[in-house]
Amino acid sequence: MKTLVLVEHDGAAIKDATLSTVTAAAKLGEVHLLVVGKDVGAVAEAAAKIAGVGKVHVADAAHLEHQLAEDVAPIIVDQMGHHDAFLAPATTTGKNVAPRVAAKLDVAQVSDIIAVDGADTFKRPIYAGNAIATVQSSDAKKVITVRGTAFDKAAAEGGSAEIEAIDAGSASAKSSFVSAELSDGDRPELTSAGVIVSGGRAFGSNEQFHALLDPLADKLGAAVGASRAAVDAGYAPNDYQVGQTGKIVAPEVYIAIGISGAIQHLAGMKDSKVIVAINKDEEAPIFQVADHGLVGDLFQIVPELTEKL
């Protein structure tokens, strides 16, 4: 069985979610990678070094610079004539591309898998992770998105895959890139951070959220996250959101401050190795999953903790 994995990258470096997807793909059979973009020679070379990869297909063209899903999906569909399964990370990019591929192939997508039980059988969470569904696909071609936190990362070094240039197709007339507004900062990216400090609605304002959390995150070299309630209240931007409708994370340490622990938030961080909770409500659901809990006023505890670090 040949699998094709979409390499998620920023034009220079491969994102960690790709390494986890390679691990999932390896459970199905031979792993091939697809690198799409403009001037992506360095990315292709890095992809070829990933352990367990047999071949790297490269579609390099000017119209692919921003990797629009409308341009990328036809390339994947064309490659599926030589592959049995297509896998993409269950990220914003993967969730944008994979459904288009599934529709073009007229197959049912298997989303957000956390385990591979066989060539056609997978496990995926449902009901915000409260139940695990075993899904069997009868489609000849499989289209799958992978929850990166459920699989170990493949080694980024040690492989020596063949690199092959493929037809990059032509630009789609359906969409065009206008602009991108990206968050600036020196902190780690949320989904790849080893330590995450997250805040909830209890901070009360945007000013207090950043005044208390940012210094703590800087001391720990951590990324900053937020609950949906904090994002909806305007305390933090959308890309900070952790949870079922935000980002799924599994850092070494997750510190939840002023977060009650609604099921939607737990779905995004409960796989963290160590969970620390700070909340004034000792009955807060977050304490049911926390490895370490501290009941108290965050406005006193957080500055004291930052000072002692």
Protein backbone atom coordinates (compact mmCIF):
# COMPACT_ATOMS: atom_id res chain seq x y z
CA MET A 1 0.00 0.00 0.00
CA LYS A 2 1.42 3.37 -1.03
CA THR A 3 0.58 6.45 1.02
CA LEU A 4 1.02 10.10 0.08
CA VAL A 5 1.58 12.62 2.88
CA LEU A 6 1.20 16.37 2.40
CA VAL A 7 4.26 18.16 3.79
CA GLU A 8 3.18 21.21 5.76
CA HIS A 9 5.85 23.91 5.69
CA ASP A 10 6.41 27.66 5.78
CA GLY A 11 8.66 27.78 2.75
CA ALA A 12 11.78 27.15 4.78
CA ALA A 13 11.11 24.54 7.47
CA ILE A 14 8.86 21.51 7.81
CA LYS A 15 6.24 21.73 10.56
CA ASP A 16 6.17 19.10 13.29
CA ALA A 17 2.64 17.98 12.39
CA THR A 18 4.09 16.44 9.22
CA LEU A 19 6.43 14.20 11.22
CA SER A 20 3.52 12.79 13.23
CA THR A 21 1.57 12.20 10.03
CA VAL A 22 4.50 10.27 8.57
CA THR A 23 4.37 7.95 11.59
CA ALA A 24 0.67 7.31 10.98
CA ALA A 25 1.26 6.75 7.25
CA ALA A 26 4.01 4.23 7.95
CA LYS A 27 1.46 2.00 9.67
CA LEU A 28 -0.36 1.71 6.33
CA GLY A 29 2.58 1.01 4.05
CA GLU A 30 5.21 2.72 1.92
CA VAL A 31 5.42 6.46 2.63
CA HIS A 32 5.77 9.08 -0.09
CA LEU A 33 5.76 12.81 0.62
CA LEU A 34 4.37 15.69 -1.41
CA VAL A 35 6.06 19.10 -1.19
CA VAL A 36 4.14 21.95 -2.82
CA GLY A 37 5.24 25.58 -3.11
CA LYS A 38 7.59 28.02 -4.78
CA ASP A 39 11.38 27.57 -4.54
CA VAL A 40 10.97 24.65 -2.15
CA GLY A 41 14.18 22.81 -2.98
CA ALA A 42 15.47 23.13 0.59
CA VAL A 43 12.16 21.87 1.99
CA ALA A 44 12.27 18.88 -0.35
CA GLU A 45 15.81 18.04 0.74
CA ALA A 46 14.77 18.21 4.39
CA ALA A 47 11.74 16.02 3.63
CA ALA A 48 13.98 13.43 1.97
CA LYS A 49 15.92 13.07 5.23
CA ILE A 50 12.85 12.08 7.27
CA ALA A 51 13.22 8.51 8.45
CA GLY A 52 10.98 5.97 6.76
CA VAL A 53 10.21 7.99 3.62
CA GLY A 54 10.63 6.28 0.26
CA LYS A 55 10.12 9.14 -2.18
CA VAL A 56 9.49 12.88 -2.18
CA HIS A 57 7.32 14.35 -4.96
CA VAL A 58 7.90 18.07 -5.54
CA ALA A 59 5.50 20.47 -7.26
CA ASP A 60 7.40 23.76 -7.56
CA ALA A 61 5.79 26.72 -9.33
CA ALA A 62 5.15 30.43 -8.83
CA HIS A 63 1.39 30.00 -8.50
CA LEU A 64 1.94 27.59 -5.58
CA GLU A 65 3.81 30.11 -3.43
CA HIS A 66 0.90 30.48 -0.97
CA GLN A 67 -0.24 26.86 -1.26
CA LEU A 68 -3.89 27.68 -1.85
CA ALA A 69 -6.08 24.60 -1.43
CA GLU A 70 -7.70 25.20 -4.83
CA ASP A 71 -4.26 24.84 -6.46
CA VAL A 72 -2.92 22.06 -4.26
CA ALA A 73 -5.89 19.65 -4.35
CA PRO A 74 -5.73 18.92 -8.13
CA ILE A 75 -2.05 17.99 -7.81
CA ILE A 76 -2.90 15.49 -5.07
CA VAL A 77 -5.81 14.05 -7.04
CA ASP A 78 -3.48 13.48 -9.98
CA GLN A 79 -0.97 11.70 -7.73
CA MET A 80 -3.66 9.46 -6.27
CA GLY A 81 -3.56 7.45 -9.47
CA HIS A 82 -0.30 6.00 -8.08
CA HIS A 83 -1.16 5.98 -4.36
CA ASP A 84 -3.71 4.17 -2.21
CA ALA A 85 -4.09 6.69 0.61
CA PHE A 86 -3.62 10.41 1.13
CA LEU A 87 -2.84 11.70 4.62
CA ALA A 88 -2.62 15.27 5.87
CA PRO A 89 -2.17 16.74 9.35
CA ALA A 90 -5.47 17.74 10.98
CA THR A 91 -4.39 21.38 10.97
CA THR A 92 -5.92 24.43 9.32
CA THR A 93 -4.08 23.58 6.11
CA GLY A 94 -4.89 19.87 6.14
CA LYS A 95 -8.54 20.47 6.95
CA ASN A 96 -8.73 22.84 3.99
CA VAL A 97 -7.08 20.57 1.43
CA ALA A 98 -8.24 17.05 2.35
CA PRO A 99 -12.02 17.53 1.89
CA ARG A 100 -11.42 18.90 -1.60
CA VAL A 101 -9.36 15.84 -2.46
CA ALA A 102 -12.01 13.51 -1.05
CA ALA A 103 -14.74 15.24 -3.04
CA LYS A 104 -12.73 15.02 -6.28
CA LEU A 105 -12.10 11.32 -5.68
CA ASP A 106 -15.72 10.77 -4.58
CA VAL A 107 -14.73 9.05 -1.35
CA ALA A 108 -15.60 9.58 2.32
CA GLN A 109 -12.88 11.32 4.32
CA VAL A 110 -11.76 9.78 7.61
CA SER A 111 -11.04 12.73 9.89
CA ASP A 112 -8.79 13.34 12.86
CA ILE A 113 -7.59 9.77 13.40
CA ILE A 114 -5.73 8.86 16.58
CA ALA A 115 -4.88 5.24 15.75
CA VAL A 116 -4.45 2.91 12.78
CA ASP A 117 -5.94 -0.54 13.40
CA GLY A 118 -5.51 -1.84 9.85
CA ALA A 119 -5.32 -0.90 6.20
CA ASP A 120 -8.95 0.28 6.27
CA THR A 121 -9.73 0.67 9.99
CA PHE A 122 -9.02 3.70 12.15
CA LYS A 123 -9.92 5.20 15.51
CA ARG A 124 -11.07 8.80 15.91
CA PRO A 125 -12.49 10.80 18.82
CA ILE A 126 -16.13 11.90 18.83
CA TYR A 127 -18.25 13.92 21.26
CA ALA A 128 -15.29 16.15 22.16
CA GLY A 129 -13.17 13.11 22.94
CA ASN A 130 -15.65 11.50 25.34
CA ALA A 131 -15.97 8.50 23.02
CA ILE A 132 -13.67 6.85 20.51
CA ALA A 133 -15.21 5.62 17.25
CA THR A 134 -13.71 2.78 15.23
CA VAL A 135 -14.22 3.62 11.56
CA GLN A 136 -13.82 1.22 8.64
CA SER A 137 -13.54 2.61 5.13
CA SER A 138 -14.58 0.55 2.11
CA ASP A 139 -13.31 3.15 -0.39
CA ALA A 140 -10.54 2.05 -2.73
CA LYS A 141 -8.71 5.34 -2.11
CA LYS A 142 -8.39 6.62 1.45
CA VAL A 143 -8.34 10.31 2.39
CA ILE A 144 -7.33 10.81 6.02
CA THR A 145 -6.49 13.65 8.38
CA VAL A 146 -4.26 12.84 11.36
CA ARG A 147 -4.31 14.26 14.88
CA GLY A 148 -0.62 14.95 15.37
CA THR A 149 -0.68 14.71 19.16
CA ALA A 150 -1.74 11.04 18.96
CA PHE A 151 1.37 9.84 17.09
CA ASP A 152 5.07 10.08 17.85
CA LYS A 153 7.10 12.26 15.52
CA ALA A 154 9.15 10.50 12.89
CA ALA A 155 12.88 11.20 13.08
CA ALA A 156 13.76 14.27 11.01
CA GLU A 157 17.16 12.78 10.13
CA GLY A 158 18.30 9.41 8.91
CA GLY A 159 16.37 9.00 5.68
CA SER A 160 17.62 9.21 2.10
CA ALA A 161 14.51 9.34 -0.06
CA GLU A 162 14.51 9.94 -3.79
CA ILE A 163 13.32 13.40 -4.87
CA GLU A 164 11.12 13.57 -7.96
CA ALA A 165 9.72 16.67 -9.68
CA ILE A 166 6.08 16.38 -10.75
CA ASP A 167 3.65 18.45 -12.79
CA ALA A 168 2.62 21.53 -10.80
CA GLY A 169 -0.50 22.14 -12.85
CA SER A 170 -1.84 25.65 -13.42
CA ALA A 171 -3.29 28.37 -11.22
CA SER A 172 -6.94 28.05 -10.28
CA ALA A 173 -9.25 30.86 -11.33
CA LYS A 174 -11.43 30.21 -8.27
CA SER A 175 -9.31 32.03 -5.71
CA SER A 176 -6.29 34.27 -5.36
CA PHE A 177 -4.01 35.26 -2.51
CA VAL A 178 -4.67 38.80 -1.25
CA SER A 179 -2.73 39.22 1.98
CA ALA A 180 -1.79 37.57 5.26
CA GLU A 181 -1.69 39.07 8.74
CA LEU A 182 0.60 36.97 10.88
CA SER A 183 1.27 37.19 14.59
CA ASP A 184 4.76 38.36 15.42
CA GLY A 185 6.69 37.21 18.44
CA ASP A 186 9.65 35.24 19.70
CA ARG A 187 7.60 32.64 21.57
CA PRO A 188 7.29 29.04 20.34
CA GLU A 189 4.44 28.11 18.01
CA LEU A 190 1.50 26.79 20.02
CA THR A 191 1.20 23.33 18.50
CA SER A 192 4.92 22.55 18.78
CA ALA A 193 5.72 24.19 22.14
CA GLY A 194 7.10 22.10 24.98
CA VAL A 195 5.45 24.31 27.60
CA ILE A 196 2.17 26.20 27.25
CA VAL A 197 0.66 28.73 29.63
CA SER A 198 -3.05 29.24 28.99
CA GLY A 199 -5.46 31.77 30.44
CA GLY A 200 -9.22 31.92 30.74
CA ARG A 201 -11.99 34.43 31.14
CA ALA A 202 -11.14 34.88 34.83
CA PHE A 203 -8.39 37.35 33.88
CA GLY A 204 -11.09 39.94 33.33
CA SER A 205 -9.50 42.01 30.56
CA ASN A 206 -7.05 41.97 27.69
CA GLU A 207 -4.63 44.12 29.68
CA GLN A 208 -4.58 41.81 32.70
CA PHE A 209 -4.37 38.71 30.53
CA HIS A 210 -1.13 39.86 28.90
CA ALA A 211 0.28 41.67 31.92
CA LEU A 212 0.14 38.48 33.99
CA LEU A 213 0.63 35.69 31.45
CA ASP A 214 3.29 37.15 29.17
CA PRO A 215 5.99 37.56 31.86
CA LEU A 216 5.31 34.03 33.13
CA ALA A 217 5.53 32.60 29.62
CA ASP A 218 8.78 34.48 28.99
CA LYS A 219 10.31 33.06 32.17
CA LEU A 220 9.33 29.52 31.15
CA GLY A 221 10.13 29.90 27.43
CA ALA A 222 6.51 28.91 26.86
CA ALA A 223 3.83 29.57 24.28
CA VAL A 224 0.69 31.42 25.35
CA GLY A 225 -2.73 29.84 24.88
CA ALA A 226 -6.27 30.75 25.77
CA SER A 227 -9.68 29.24 26.30
CA ARG A 228 -12.46 30.00 23.84
CA ALA A 229 -14.13 32.18 26.47
CA ALA A 230 -11.00 34.33 26.73
CA VAL A 231 -10.75 34.61 22.94
CA ASP A 232 -14.45 35.46 22.58
CA ALA A 233 -14.04 38.13 25.26
CA GLY A 234 -11.23 39.72 23.26
CA TYR A 235 -8.42 38.94 25.69
CA ALA A 236 -6.40 37.00 23.12
CA PRO A 237 -6.31 36.52 19.32
CA ASN A 238 -7.95 33.53 17.65
CA ASP A 239 -4.66 31.74 17.02
CA TYR A 240 -4.16 31.43 20.80
CA GLN A 241 -7.28 29.31 21.22
CA VAL A 242 -6.83 25.78 22.55
CA GLY A 243 -9.73 23.35 22.39
CA GLN A 244 -12.17 21.51 20.19
CA THR A 245 -12.70 24.57 17.98
CA GLY A 246 -9.12 25.79 18.38
CA LYS A 247 -5.77 24.02 18.36
CA ILE A 248 -5.08 20.53 19.65
CA VAL A 249 -1.90 20.53 21.73
CA ALA A 250 0.07 17.99 23.77
CA PRO A 251 3.07 19.77 25.33
CA GLU A 252 5.31 18.41 28.07
CA VAL A 253 3.71 20.88 30.50
CA TYR A 254 0.34 22.63 30.17
CA ILE A 255 -0.47 25.31 32.75
CA ALA A 256 -4.16 26.25 32.81
CA ILE A 257 -4.81 29.47 34.73
CA GLY A 258 -8.31 30.73 35.38
CA ILE A 259 -9.75 28.05 33.09
CA SER A 260 -12.71 26.09 34.46
CA GLY A 261 -12.13 23.11 32.19
CA ALA A 262 -15.15 22.94 29.90
CA ILE A 263 -15.24 19.74 27.87
CA GLN A 264 -14.48 21.65 24.67
CA HIS A 265 -11.24 22.98 26.16
CA LEU A 266 -10.21 19.62 27.62
CA ALA A 267 -10.56 18.05 24.18
CA GLY A 268 -7.69 20.23 22.99
CA MET A 269 -5.16 19.67 25.78
CA LYS A 270 -5.91 16.57 27.82
CA ASP A 271 -3.10 14.61 26.10
CA SER A 272 -0.51 16.95 27.65
CA LYS A 273 2.16 15.07 29.59
CA VAL A 274 1.77 17.16 32.77
CA ILE A 275 -1.22 19.40 33.46
CA VAL A 276 -1.06 22.14 36.10
CA ALA A 277 -4.25 23.97 37.06
CA ILE A 278 -4.67 27.23 38.98
CA ASN A 279 -8.26 28.17 39.82
CA LYS A 280 -10.09 29.71 42.75
CA ASP A 281 -12.97 27.22 42.38
CA GLU A 282 -11.91 23.92 43.92
CA GLU A 283 -14.83 22.22 42.13
CA ALA A 284 -13.66 23.33 38.67
CA PRO A 285 -13.63 20.40 36.18
CA ILE A 286 -10.04 21.22 35.22
CA PHE A 287 -8.87 19.65 38.50
CA GLN A 288 -10.23 16.26 37.40
CA VAL A 289 -7.59 16.01 34.67
CA ALA A 290 -4.81 18.03 36.34
CA ASP A 291 -1.70 16.34 37.66
CA HIS A 292 -1.07 19.30 39.96
CA GLY A 293 -3.71 21.74 41.18
CA LEU A 294 -3.55 24.97 43.13
CA VAL A 295 -6.71 26.55 44.50
CA GLY A 296 -6.39 30.29 44.89
CA ASP A 297 -6.61 33.78 43.41
CA LEU A 298 -4.69 33.91 40.14
CA PHE A 299 -4.04 37.65 40.60
CA GLN A 300 -1.91 36.78 43.63
CA ILE A 301 -0.52 33.42 42.56
CA VAL A 302 0.67 34.25 39.02
CA PRO A 303 2.82 37.32 39.96
CA GLU A 304 4.29 35.37 42.89
CA LEU A 305 5.05 32.39 40.68
CA THR A 306 6.66 34.60 38.03
CA GLU A 307 8.78 36.32 40.66
CA LYS A 308 10.07 33.03 42.10
CA LEU A 309 11.04 31.53 38.74
